[in-house]
ModelCIF file with pLDDT and N, C-alpha, C, O atoms, coordinates in Angstrom:
data_MODEL
#
_entry.id   MODEL 
#
_entity.id                         1 
_entity.type                       polymer 
_entity.pdbx_number_of_molecules   1 
#
_entity_poly.entity_id                      1 
_entity_poly.type                           'polypeptide(L)' 
_entity_poly.nstd_linkage                   no 
_entity_poly.nstd_monomer                   no 
_entity_poly.pdbx_seq_one_letter_code       
;(UNK)(UNK)(UNK)(UNK)(UNK)(UNK)(UNK)(UNK)(UNK)(UNK)(UNK)(UNK)(UNK)(UNK)(UNK)(UNK)
(UNK)(UNK)(UNK)(UNK)(UNK)(UNK)(UNK)(UNK)(UNK)(UNK)(UNK)(UNK)(UNK)(UNK)(UNK)(UNK)
(UNK)(UNK)(UNK)(UNK)(UNK)(UNK)(UNK)(UNK)(UNK)(UNK)(UNK)(UNK)
;
_entity_poly.pdbx_seq_one_letter_code_can   XXXXXXXXXXXXXXXXXXXXXXXXXXXXXXXXXXXXXXXXXXXX 
_entity_poly.pdbx_strand_id                 A 
#
loop_
_entity_poly_seq.entity_id 
_entity_poly_seq.num 
_entity_poly_seq.mon_id 
_entity_poly_seq.hetero 
1 1  UNK n 
1 2  UNK n 
1 3  UNK n 
1 4  UNK n 
1 5  UNK n 
1 6  UNK n 
1 7  UNK n 
1 8  UNK n 
1 9  UNK n 
1 10 UNK n 
1 11 UNK n 
1 12 UNK n 
1 13 UNK n 
1 14 UNK n 
1 15 UNK n 
1 16 UNK n 
1 17 UNK n 
1 18 UNK n 
1 19 UNK n 
1 20 UNK n 
1 21 UNK n 
1 22 UNK n 
1 23 UNK n 
1 24 UNK n 
1 25 UNK n 
1 26 UNK n 
1 27 UNK n 
1 28 UNK n 
1 29 UNK n 
1 30 UNK n 
1 31 UNK n 
1 32 UNK n 
1 33 UNK n 
1 34 UNK n 
1 35 UNK n 
1 36 UNK n 
1 37 UNK n 
1 38 UNK n 
1 39 UNK n 
1 40 UNK n 
1 41 UNK n 
1 42 UNK n 
1 43 UNK n 
1 44 UNK n 
#
_struct_asym.id          A 
_struct_asym.entity_id   1 
#
loop_
_ma_qa_metric.id 
_ma_qa_metric.mode 
_ma_qa_metric.name 
_ma_qa_metric.software_group_id 
_ma_qa_metric.type 
1 global pLDDT . pLDDT 
2 local  pLDDT . pLDDT 
#
_ma_qa_metric_global.metric_id      1 
_ma_qa_metric_global.metric_value   96.70 
_ma_qa_metric_global.model_id       1 
_ma_qa_metric_global.ordinal_id     1 
#
loop_
_ma_qa_metric_local.label_asym_id 
_ma_qa_metric_local.label_comp_id 
_ma_qa_metric_local.label_seq_id 
_ma_qa_metric_local.metric_id 
_ma_qa_metric_local.metric_value 
_ma_qa_metric_local.model_id 
_ma_qa_metric_local.ordinal_id 
A UNK 1  2 93.00 1 1  
A UNK 2  2 95.00 1 2  
A UNK 3  2 96.00 1 3  
A UNK 4  2 96.00 1 4  
A UNK 5  2 95.00 1 5  
A UNK 6  2 96.00 1 6  
A UNK 7  2 97.00 1 7  
A UNK 8  2 96.00 1 8  
A UNK 9  2 96.00 1 9  
A UNK 10 2 97.00 1 10 
A UNK 11 2 97.00 1 11 
A UNK 12 2 97.00 1 12 
A UNK 13 2 98.00 1 13 
A UNK 14 2 98.00 1 14 
A UNK 15 2 98.00 1 15 
A UNK 16 2 97.00 1 16 
A UNK 17 2 96.00 1 17 
A UNK 18 2 96.00 1 18 
A UNK 19 2 96.00 1 19 
A UNK 20 2 95.00 1 20 
A UNK 21 2 95.00 1 21 
A UNK 22 2 97.00 1 22 
A UNK 23 2 96.00 1 23 
A UNK 24 2 96.00 1 24 
A UNK 25 2 97.00 1 25 
A UNK 26 2 98.00 1 26 
A UNK 27 2 98.00 1 27 
A UNK 28 2 98.00 1 28 
A UNK 29 2 98.00 1 29 
A UNK 30 2 98.00 1 30 
A UNK 31 2 98.00 1 31 
A UNK 32 2 98.00 1 32 
A UNK 33 2 98.00 1 33 
A UNK 34 2 98.00 1 34 
A UNK 35 2 98.00 1 35 
A UNK 36 2 98.00 1 36 
A UNK 37 2 97.00 1 37 
A UNK 38 2 97.00 1 38 
A UNK 39 2 96.00 1 39 
A UNK 40 2 95.00 1 40 
A UNK 41 2 95.00 1 41 
A UNK 42 2 96.00 1 42 
A UNK 43 2 97.00 1 43 
A UNK 44 2 98.00 1 44 
#
loop_
_atom_site.group_PDB 
_atom_site.id 
_atom_site.type_symbol 
_atom_site.label_atom_id 
_atom_site.label_alt_id 
_atom_site.label_comp_id 
_atom_site.label_asym_id 
_atom_site.label_entity_id 
_atom_site.label_seq_id 
_atom_site.pdbx_PDB_ins_code 
_atom_site.Cartn_x 
_atom_site.Cartn_y 
_atom_site.Cartn_z 
_atom_site.occupancy 
_atom_site.B_iso_or_equiv 
_atom_site.pdbx_formal_charge 
_atom_site.auth_seq_id 
_atom_site.auth_comp_id 
_atom_site.auth_asym_id 
_atom_site.auth_atom_id 
_atom_site.pdbx_PDB_model_num 
ATOM 1   N N  . UNK A 1 1  ? 93.317  102.995 109.826 1.00 93.00 ? 1  UNK A N  1 
ATOM 2   C CA . UNK A 1 1  ? 94.184  104.010 109.037 1.00 93.00 ? 1  UNK A CA 1 
ATOM 3   C C  . UNK A 1 1  ? 95.742  103.438 109.062 1.00 93.00 ? 1  UNK A C  1 
ATOM 4   O O  . UNK A 1 1  ? 96.522  103.646 108.133 1.00 93.00 ? 1  UNK A O  1 
ATOM 5   N N  . UNK A 1 2  ? 96.072  102.719 110.208 1.00 95.00 ? 2  UNK A N  1 
ATOM 6   C CA . UNK A 1 2  ? 97.406  101.985 110.177 1.00 95.00 ? 2  UNK A CA 1 
ATOM 7   C C  . UNK A 1 2  ? 97.679  100.688 108.812 1.00 95.00 ? 2  UNK A C  1 
ATOM 8   O O  . UNK A 1 2  ? 98.690  100.311 108.219 1.00 95.00 ? 2  UNK A O  1 
ATOM 9   N N  . UNK A 1 3  ? 96.350  100.341 108.742 1.00 96.00 ? 3  UNK A N  1 
ATOM 10  C CA . UNK A 1 3  ? 96.353  99.325  107.284 1.00 96.00 ? 3  UNK A CA 1 
ATOM 11  C C  . UNK A 1 3  ? 96.727  100.095 106.339 1.00 96.00 ? 3  UNK A C  1 
ATOM 12  O O  . UNK A 1 3  ? 97.853  100.050 105.846 1.00 96.00 ? 3  UNK A O  1 
ATOM 13  N N  . UNK A 1 4  ? 95.707  100.978 105.947 1.00 96.00 ? 4  UNK A N  1 
ATOM 14  C CA . UNK A 1 4  ? 95.683  101.780 104.652 1.00 96.00 ? 4  UNK A CA 1 
ATOM 15  C C  . UNK A 1 4  ? 97.128  102.397 104.708 1.00 96.00 ? 4  UNK A C  1 
ATOM 16  O O  . UNK A 1 4  ? 97.768  102.139 103.689 1.00 96.00 ? 4  UNK A O  1 
ATOM 17  N N  . UNK A 1 5  ? 97.644  102.971 105.421 1.00 95.00 ? 5  UNK A N  1 
ATOM 18  C CA . UNK A 1 5  ? 98.493  103.458 105.317 1.00 95.00 ? 5  UNK A CA 1 
ATOM 19  C C  . UNK A 1 5  ? 99.868  102.869 104.944 1.00 95.00 ? 5  UNK A C  1 
ATOM 20  O O  . UNK A 1 5  ? 100.663 103.353 104.139 1.00 95.00 ? 5  UNK A O  1 
ATOM 21  N N  . UNK A 1 6  ? 100.018 101.699 105.696 1.00 96.00 ? 6  UNK A N  1 
ATOM 22  C CA . UNK A 1 6  ? 101.035 100.538 105.340 1.00 96.00 ? 6  UNK A CA 1 
ATOM 23  C C  . UNK A 1 6  ? 100.782 100.103 103.696 1.00 96.00 ? 6  UNK A C  1 
ATOM 24  O O  . UNK A 1 6  ? 101.655 100.102 102.828 1.00 96.00 ? 6  UNK A O  1 
ATOM 25  N N  . UNK A 1 7  ? 99.354  99.738  103.521 1.00 97.00 ? 7  UNK A N  1 
ATOM 26  C CA . UNK A 1 7  ? 98.754  99.581  102.248 1.00 97.00 ? 7  UNK A CA 1 
ATOM 27  C C  . UNK A 1 7  ? 99.591  100.208 101.166 1.00 97.00 ? 7  UNK A C  1 
ATOM 28  O O  . UNK A 1 7  ? 100.170 99.686  100.213 1.00 97.00 ? 7  UNK A O  1 
ATOM 29  N N  . UNK A 1 8  ? 99.504  101.519 101.575 1.00 96.00 ? 8  UNK A N  1 
ATOM 30  C CA . UNK A 1 8  ? 99.737  102.443 100.305 1.00 96.00 ? 8  UNK A CA 1 
ATOM 31  C C  . UNK A 1 8  ? 100.980 102.999 100.242 1.00 96.00 ? 8  UNK A C  1 
ATOM 32  O O  . UNK A 1 8  ? 101.241 103.876 99.418  1.00 96.00 ? 8  UNK A O  1 
ATOM 33  N N  . UNK A 1 9  ? 102.131 102.390 101.383 1.00 96.00 ? 9  UNK A N  1 
ATOM 34  C CA . UNK A 1 9  ? 103.509 102.676 100.926 1.00 96.00 ? 9  UNK A CA 1 
ATOM 35  C C  . UNK A 1 9  ? 103.786 101.479 100.042 1.00 96.00 ? 9  UNK A C  1 
ATOM 36  O O  . UNK A 1 9  ? 104.782 101.518 99.319  1.00 96.00 ? 9  UNK A O  1 
ATOM 37  N N  . UNK A 1 10 ? 102.977 100.395 100.035 1.00 97.00 ? 10 UNK A N  1 
ATOM 38  C CA . UNK A 1 10 ? 103.445 99.417  98.832  1.00 97.00 ? 10 UNK A CA 1 
ATOM 39  C C  . UNK A 1 10 ? 103.132 99.419  97.494  1.00 97.00 ? 10 UNK A C  1 
ATOM 40  O O  . UNK A 1 10 ? 103.382 98.554  96.655  1.00 97.00 ? 10 UNK A O  1 
ATOM 41  N N  . UNK A 1 11 ? 102.428 100.718 97.342  1.00 97.00 ? 11 UNK A N  1 
ATOM 42  C CA . UNK A 1 11 ? 101.973 100.713 95.866  1.00 97.00 ? 11 UNK A CA 1 
ATOM 43  C C  . UNK A 1 11 ? 102.954 101.019 95.113  1.00 97.00 ? 11 UNK A C  1 
ATOM 44  O O  . UNK A 1 11 ? 103.728 101.932 95.400  1.00 97.00 ? 11 UNK A O  1 
ATOM 45  N N  . UNK A 1 12 ? 103.073 100.173 93.862  1.00 97.00 ? 12 UNK A N  1 
ATOM 46  C CA . UNK A 1 12 ? 104.189 100.147 93.303  1.00 97.00 ? 12 UNK A CA 1 
ATOM 47  C C  . UNK A 1 12 ? 105.296 98.506  93.275  1.00 97.00 ? 12 UNK A C  1 
ATOM 48  O O  . UNK A 1 12 ? 106.040 98.081  92.391  1.00 97.00 ? 12 UNK A O  1 
ATOM 49  N N  . UNK A 1 13 ? 104.990 98.010  94.493  1.00 98.00 ? 13 UNK A N  1 
ATOM 50  C CA . UNK A 1 13 ? 105.469 96.922  94.392  1.00 98.00 ? 13 UNK A CA 1 
ATOM 51  C C  . UNK A 1 13 ? 105.239 95.773  93.368  1.00 98.00 ? 13 UNK A C  1 
ATOM 52  O O  . UNK A 1 13 ? 104.089 95.430  93.093  1.00 98.00 ? 13 UNK A O  1 
ATOM 53  N N  . UNK A 1 14 ? 106.400 95.131  92.759  1.00 98.00 ? 14 UNK A N  1 
ATOM 54  C CA . UNK A 1 14 ? 105.823 94.096  91.678  1.00 98.00 ? 14 UNK A CA 1 
ATOM 55  C C  . UNK A 1 14 ? 104.795 92.904  92.366  1.00 98.00 ? 14 UNK A C  1 
ATOM 56  O O  . UNK A 1 14 ? 104.659 92.658  93.565  1.00 98.00 ? 14 UNK A O  1 
ATOM 57  N N  . UNK A 1 15 ? 104.159 92.288  91.270  1.00 98.00 ? 15 UNK A N  1 
ATOM 58  C CA . UNK A 1 15 ? 103.580 91.295  91.450  1.00 98.00 ? 15 UNK A CA 1 
ATOM 59  C C  . UNK A 1 15 ? 104.288 89.949  90.879  1.00 98.00 ? 15 UNK A C  1 
ATOM 60  O O  . UNK A 1 15 ? 104.710 89.730  89.744  1.00 98.00 ? 15 UNK A O  1 
ATOM 61  N N  . UNK A 1 16 ? 104.282 89.166  91.967  1.00 97.00 ? 16 UNK A N  1 
ATOM 62  C CA . UNK A 1 16 ? 104.639 87.663  91.890  1.00 97.00 ? 16 UNK A CA 1 
ATOM 63  C C  . UNK A 1 16 ? 104.110 86.812  92.529  1.00 97.00 ? 16 UNK A C  1 
ATOM 64  O O  . UNK A 1 16 ? 104.131 86.754  93.759  1.00 97.00 ? 16 UNK A O  1 
ATOM 65  N N  . UNK A 1 17 ? 103.278 85.629  91.401  1.00 96.00 ? 17 UNK A N  1 
ATOM 66  C CA . UNK A 1 17 ? 102.533 84.607  92.071  1.00 96.00 ? 17 UNK A CA 1 
ATOM 67  C C  . UNK A 1 17 ? 103.156 83.909  93.291  1.00 96.00 ? 17 UNK A C  1 
ATOM 68  O O  . UNK A 1 17 ? 104.269 83.385  93.279  1.00 96.00 ? 17 UNK A O  1 
ATOM 69  N N  . UNK A 1 18 ? 102.435 83.949  94.207  1.00 96.00 ? 18 UNK A N  1 
ATOM 70  C CA . UNK A 1 18 ? 102.933 83.403  95.202  1.00 96.00 ? 18 UNK A CA 1 
ATOM 71  C C  . UNK A 1 18 ? 103.810 84.082  96.242  1.00 96.00 ? 18 UNK A C  1 
ATOM 72  O O  . UNK A 1 18 ? 104.259 83.567  97.266  1.00 96.00 ? 18 UNK A O  1 
ATOM 73  N N  . UNK A 1 19 ? 103.987 85.379  95.786  1.00 96.00 ? 19 UNK A N  1 
ATOM 74  C CA . UNK A 1 19 ? 105.099 85.819  96.411  1.00 96.00 ? 19 UNK A CA 1 
ATOM 75  C C  . UNK A 1 19 ? 104.462 86.762  97.749  1.00 96.00 ? 19 UNK A C  1 
ATOM 76  O O  . UNK A 1 19 ? 103.375 87.328  97.864  1.00 96.00 ? 19 UNK A O  1 
ATOM 77  N N  . UNK A 1 20 ? 105.664 86.658  98.710  1.00 95.00 ? 20 UNK A N  1 
ATOM 78  C CA . UNK A 1 20 ? 105.330 87.177  100.526 1.00 95.00 ? 20 UNK A CA 1 
ATOM 79  C C  . UNK A 1 20 ? 105.871 88.274  100.821 1.00 95.00 ? 20 UNK A C  1 
ATOM 80  O O  . UNK A 1 20 ? 105.648 88.977  101.807 1.00 95.00 ? 20 UNK A O  1 
ATOM 81  N N  . UNK A 1 21 ? 106.672 88.461  99.879  1.00 95.00 ? 21 UNK A N  1 
ATOM 82  C CA . UNK A 1 21 ? 107.880 89.852  100.733 1.00 95.00 ? 21 UNK A CA 1 
ATOM 83  C C  . UNK A 1 21 ? 107.814 90.947  99.508  1.00 95.00 ? 21 UNK A C  1 
ATOM 84  O O  . UNK A 1 21 ? 107.247 90.837  98.421  1.00 95.00 ? 21 UNK A O  1 
ATOM 85  N N  . UNK A 1 22 ? 108.431 91.825  99.936  1.00 97.00 ? 22 UNK A N  1 
ATOM 86  C CA . UNK A 1 22 ? 108.466 93.016  98.887  1.00 97.00 ? 22 UNK A CA 1 
ATOM 87  C C  . UNK A 1 22 ? 109.419 93.012  97.845  1.00 97.00 ? 22 UNK A C  1 
ATOM 88  O O  . UNK A 1 22 ? 109.190 93.364  96.688  1.00 97.00 ? 22 UNK A O  1 
ATOM 89  N N  . UNK A 1 23 ? 110.753 92.507  98.397  1.00 96.00 ? 23 UNK A N  1 
ATOM 90  C CA . UNK A 1 23 ? 111.964 92.257  97.870  1.00 96.00 ? 23 UNK A CA 1 
ATOM 91  C C  . UNK A 1 23 ? 111.636 91.414  96.269  1.00 96.00 ? 23 UNK A C  1 
ATOM 92  O O  . UNK A 1 23 ? 111.955 91.711  95.117  1.00 96.00 ? 23 UNK A O  1 
ATOM 93  N N  . UNK A 1 24 ? 110.877 90.290  96.837  1.00 96.00 ? 24 UNK A N  1 
ATOM 94  C CA . UNK A 1 24 ? 110.970 89.372  95.379  1.00 96.00 ? 24 UNK A CA 1 
ATOM 95  C C  . UNK A 1 24 ? 109.373 89.700  94.733  1.00 96.00 ? 24 UNK A C  1 
ATOM 96  O O  . UNK A 1 24 ? 109.122 89.344  93.581  1.00 96.00 ? 24 UNK A O  1 
ATOM 97  N N  . UNK A 1 25 ? 108.502 90.290  95.438  1.00 97.00 ? 25 UNK A N  1 
ATOM 98  C CA . UNK A 1 25 ? 107.089 90.509  94.871  1.00 97.00 ? 25 UNK A CA 1 
ATOM 99  C C  . UNK A 1 25 ? 105.996 89.866  95.584  1.00 97.00 ? 25 UNK A C  1 
ATOM 100 O O  . UNK A 1 25 ? 106.237 88.833  96.209  1.00 97.00 ? 25 UNK A O  1 
ATOM 101 N N  . UNK A 1 26 ? 104.599 90.448  95.558  1.00 98.00 ? 26 UNK A N  1 
ATOM 102 C CA . UNK A 1 26 ? 103.548 90.298  96.220  1.00 98.00 ? 26 UNK A CA 1 
ATOM 103 C C  . UNK A 1 26 ? 102.399 89.665  95.419  1.00 98.00 ? 26 UNK A C  1 
ATOM 104 O O  . UNK A 1 26 ? 102.073 90.104  94.316  1.00 98.00 ? 26 UNK A O  1 
ATOM 105 N N  . UNK A 1 27 ? 101.914 88.821  95.896  1.00 98.00 ? 27 UNK A N  1 
ATOM 106 C CA . UNK A 1 27 ? 100.557 88.290  95.122  1.00 98.00 ? 27 UNK A CA 1 
ATOM 107 C C  . UNK A 1 27 ? 99.378  88.940  95.861  1.00 98.00 ? 27 UNK A C  1 
ATOM 108 O O  . UNK A 1 27 ? 99.630  89.877  96.619  1.00 98.00 ? 27 UNK A O  1 
ATOM 109 N N  . UNK A 1 28 ? 98.072  88.509  95.700  1.00 98.00 ? 28 UNK A N  1 
ATOM 110 C CA . UNK A 1 28 ? 97.018  89.474  96.074  1.00 98.00 ? 28 UNK A CA 1 
ATOM 111 C C  . UNK A 1 28 ? 97.218  89.225  97.872  1.00 98.00 ? 28 UNK A C  1 
ATOM 112 O O  . UNK A 1 28 ? 97.465  90.041  98.760  1.00 98.00 ? 28 UNK A O  1 
ATOM 113 N N  . UNK A 1 29 ? 96.997  87.788  97.915  1.00 98.00 ? 29 UNK A N  1 
ATOM 114 C CA . UNK A 1 29 ? 97.118  87.607  99.531  1.00 98.00 ? 29 UNK A CA 1 
ATOM 115 C C  . UNK A 1 29 ? 97.806  87.554  100.243 1.00 98.00 ? 29 UNK A C  1 
ATOM 116 O O  . UNK A 1 29 ? 97.558  87.552  101.449 1.00 98.00 ? 29 UNK A O  1 
ATOM 117 N N  . UNK A 1 30 ? 99.398  87.464  99.508  1.00 98.00 ? 30 UNK A N  1 
ATOM 118 C CA . UNK A 1 30 ? 100.790 87.938  100.279 1.00 98.00 ? 30 UNK A CA 1 
ATOM 119 C C  . UNK A 1 30 ? 100.801 89.360  100.668 1.00 98.00 ? 30 UNK A C  1 
ATOM 120 O O  . UNK A 1 30 ? 101.160 89.754  101.778 1.00 98.00 ? 30 UNK A O  1 
ATOM 121 N N  . UNK A 1 31 ? 100.345 90.197  99.600  1.00 98.00 ? 31 UNK A N  1 
ATOM 122 C CA . UNK A 1 31 ? 99.826  91.947  100.206 1.00 98.00 ? 31 UNK A CA 1 
ATOM 123 C C  . UNK A 1 31 ? 99.298  91.978  101.267 1.00 98.00 ? 31 UNK A C  1 
ATOM 124 O O  . UNK A 1 31 ? 99.888  92.285  102.303 1.00 98.00 ? 31 UNK A O  1 
ATOM 125 N N  . UNK A 1 32 ? 97.765  91.582  101.171 1.00 98.00 ? 32 UNK A N  1 
ATOM 126 C CA . UNK A 1 32 ? 97.008  91.634  102.529 1.00 98.00 ? 32 UNK A CA 1 
ATOM 127 C C  . UNK A 1 32 ? 97.871  91.154  103.369 1.00 98.00 ? 32 UNK A C  1 
ATOM 128 O O  . UNK A 1 32 ? 98.369  91.908  104.204 1.00 98.00 ? 32 UNK A O  1 
ATOM 129 N N  . UNK A 1 33 ? 98.212  89.831  103.313 1.00 98.00 ? 33 UNK A N  1 
ATOM 130 C CA . UNK A 1 33 ? 98.404  89.528  104.748 1.00 98.00 ? 33 UNK A CA 1 
ATOM 131 C C  . UNK A 1 33 ? 99.757  90.207  105.401 1.00 98.00 ? 33 UNK A C  1 
ATOM 132 O O  . UNK A 1 33 ? 99.971  90.304  106.609 1.00 98.00 ? 33 UNK A O  1 
ATOM 133 N N  . UNK A 1 34 ? 100.533 90.608  104.451 1.00 98.00 ? 34 UNK A N  1 
ATOM 134 C CA . UNK A 1 34 ? 101.880 91.294  104.892 1.00 98.00 ? 34 UNK A CA 1 
ATOM 135 C C  . UNK A 1 34 ? 101.268 92.594  105.483 1.00 98.00 ? 34 UNK A C  1 
ATOM 136 O O  . UNK A 1 34 ? 101.588 92.787  106.656 1.00 98.00 ? 34 UNK A O  1 
ATOM 137 N N  . UNK A 1 35 ? 100.407 93.584  104.888 1.00 98.00 ? 35 UNK A N  1 
ATOM 138 C CA . UNK A 1 35 ? 99.917  94.669  105.459 1.00 98.00 ? 35 UNK A CA 1 
ATOM 139 C C  . UNK A 1 35 ? 99.238  94.535  106.496 1.00 98.00 ? 35 UNK A C  1 
ATOM 140 O O  . UNK A 1 35 ? 99.238  95.562  107.176 1.00 98.00 ? 35 UNK A O  1 
ATOM 141 N N  . UNK A 1 36 ? 98.414  93.357  107.082 1.00 98.00 ? 36 UNK A N  1 
ATOM 142 C CA . UNK A 1 36 ? 97.987  93.303  108.077 1.00 98.00 ? 36 UNK A CA 1 
ATOM 143 C C  . UNK A 1 36 ? 98.678  92.889  109.483 1.00 98.00 ? 36 UNK A C  1 
ATOM 144 O O  . UNK A 1 36 ? 98.306  93.150  110.627 1.00 98.00 ? 36 UNK A O  1 
ATOM 145 N N  . UNK A 1 37 ? 99.802  92.163  109.028 1.00 97.00 ? 37 UNK A N  1 
ATOM 146 C CA . UNK A 1 37 ? 100.591 91.542  109.866 1.00 97.00 ? 37 UNK A CA 1 
ATOM 147 C C  . UNK A 1 37 ? 101.655 92.617  110.061 1.00 97.00 ? 37 UNK A C  1 
ATOM 148 O O  . UNK A 1 37 ? 101.994 92.566  111.243 1.00 97.00 ? 37 UNK A O  1 
ATOM 149 N N  . UNK A 1 38 ? 102.305 93.536  109.435 1.00 97.00 ? 38 UNK A N  1 
ATOM 150 C CA . UNK A 1 38 ? 103.532 94.616  109.597 1.00 97.00 ? 38 UNK A CA 1 
ATOM 151 C C  . UNK A 1 38 ? 102.424 95.928  110.270 1.00 97.00 ? 38 UNK A C  1 
ATOM 152 O O  . UNK A 1 38 ? 102.764 96.471  111.321 1.00 97.00 ? 38 UNK A O  1 
ATOM 153 N N  . UNK A 1 39 ? 101.431 96.250  109.737 1.00 96.00 ? 39 UNK A N  1 
ATOM 154 C CA . UNK A 1 39 ? 100.794 97.330  110.434 1.00 96.00 ? 39 UNK A CA 1 
ATOM 155 C C  . UNK A 1 39 ? 99.978  96.981  111.558 1.00 96.00 ? 39 UNK A C  1 
ATOM 156 O O  . UNK A 1 39 ? 99.821  97.994  112.241 1.00 96.00 ? 39 UNK A O  1 
ATOM 157 N N  . UNK A 1 40 ? 99.467  96.119  111.985 1.00 95.00 ? 40 UNK A N  1 
ATOM 158 C CA . UNK A 1 40 ? 98.639  95.968  113.280 1.00 95.00 ? 40 UNK A CA 1 
ATOM 159 C C  . UNK A 1 40 ? 99.056  94.635  113.971 1.00 95.00 ? 40 UNK A C  1 
ATOM 160 O O  . UNK A 1 40 ? 98.754  94.465  115.152 1.00 95.00 ? 40 UNK A O  1 
ATOM 161 N N  . UNK A 1 41 ? 99.675  93.774  113.342 1.00 95.00 ? 41 UNK A N  1 
ATOM 162 C CA . UNK A 1 41 ? 100.113 92.782  114.077 1.00 95.00 ? 41 UNK A CA 1 
ATOM 163 C C  . UNK A 1 41 ? 99.393  91.389  114.186 1.00 95.00 ? 41 UNK A C  1 
ATOM 164 O O  . UNK A 1 41 ? 99.652  90.469  114.963 1.00 95.00 ? 41 UNK A O  1 
ATOM 165 N N  . UNK A 1 42 ? 98.154  91.484  112.941 1.00 96.00 ? 42 UNK A N  1 
ATOM 166 C CA . UNK A 1 42 ? 97.067  90.419  113.025 1.00 96.00 ? 42 UNK A CA 1 
ATOM 167 C C  . UNK A 1 42 ? 97.872  89.340  111.774 1.00 96.00 ? 42 UNK A C  1 
ATOM 168 O O  . UNK A 1 42 ? 98.584  89.696  110.835 1.00 96.00 ? 42 UNK A O  1 
ATOM 169 N N  . UNK A 1 43 ? 97.508  88.127  112.118 1.00 97.00 ? 43 UNK A N  1 
ATOM 170 C CA . UNK A 1 43 ? 98.246  87.135  110.786 1.00 97.00 ? 43 UNK A CA 1 
ATOM 171 C C  . UNK A 1 43 ? 96.938  86.647  110.320 1.00 97.00 ? 43 UNK A C  1 
ATOM 172 O O  . UNK A 1 43 ? 96.050  86.249  111.073 1.00 97.00 ? 43 UNK A O  1 
ATOM 173 N N  . UNK A 1 44 ? 96.873  86.697  109.102 1.00 98.00 ? 44 UNK A N  1 
ATOM 174 C CA . UNK A 1 44 ? 95.969  86.037  108.466 1.00 98.00 ? 44 UNK A CA 1 
ATOM 175 C C  . UNK A 1 44 ? 96.372  84.761  107.687 1.00 98.00 ? 44 UNK A C  1 
ATOM 176 O O  . UNK A 1 44 ? 95.522  84.118  107.073 1.00 98.00 ? 44 UNK A O  1 
#
């Protein structure tokens, strides 16, 4: 639930190749990595 809720909060954030943060944009792995780190502290 924590992972999904955090991920859903990021719906609408723009894509950016190599992106790692919300402000500049996220790519697919940057999105997944950020969600797991910020929601449950798991580093991928």
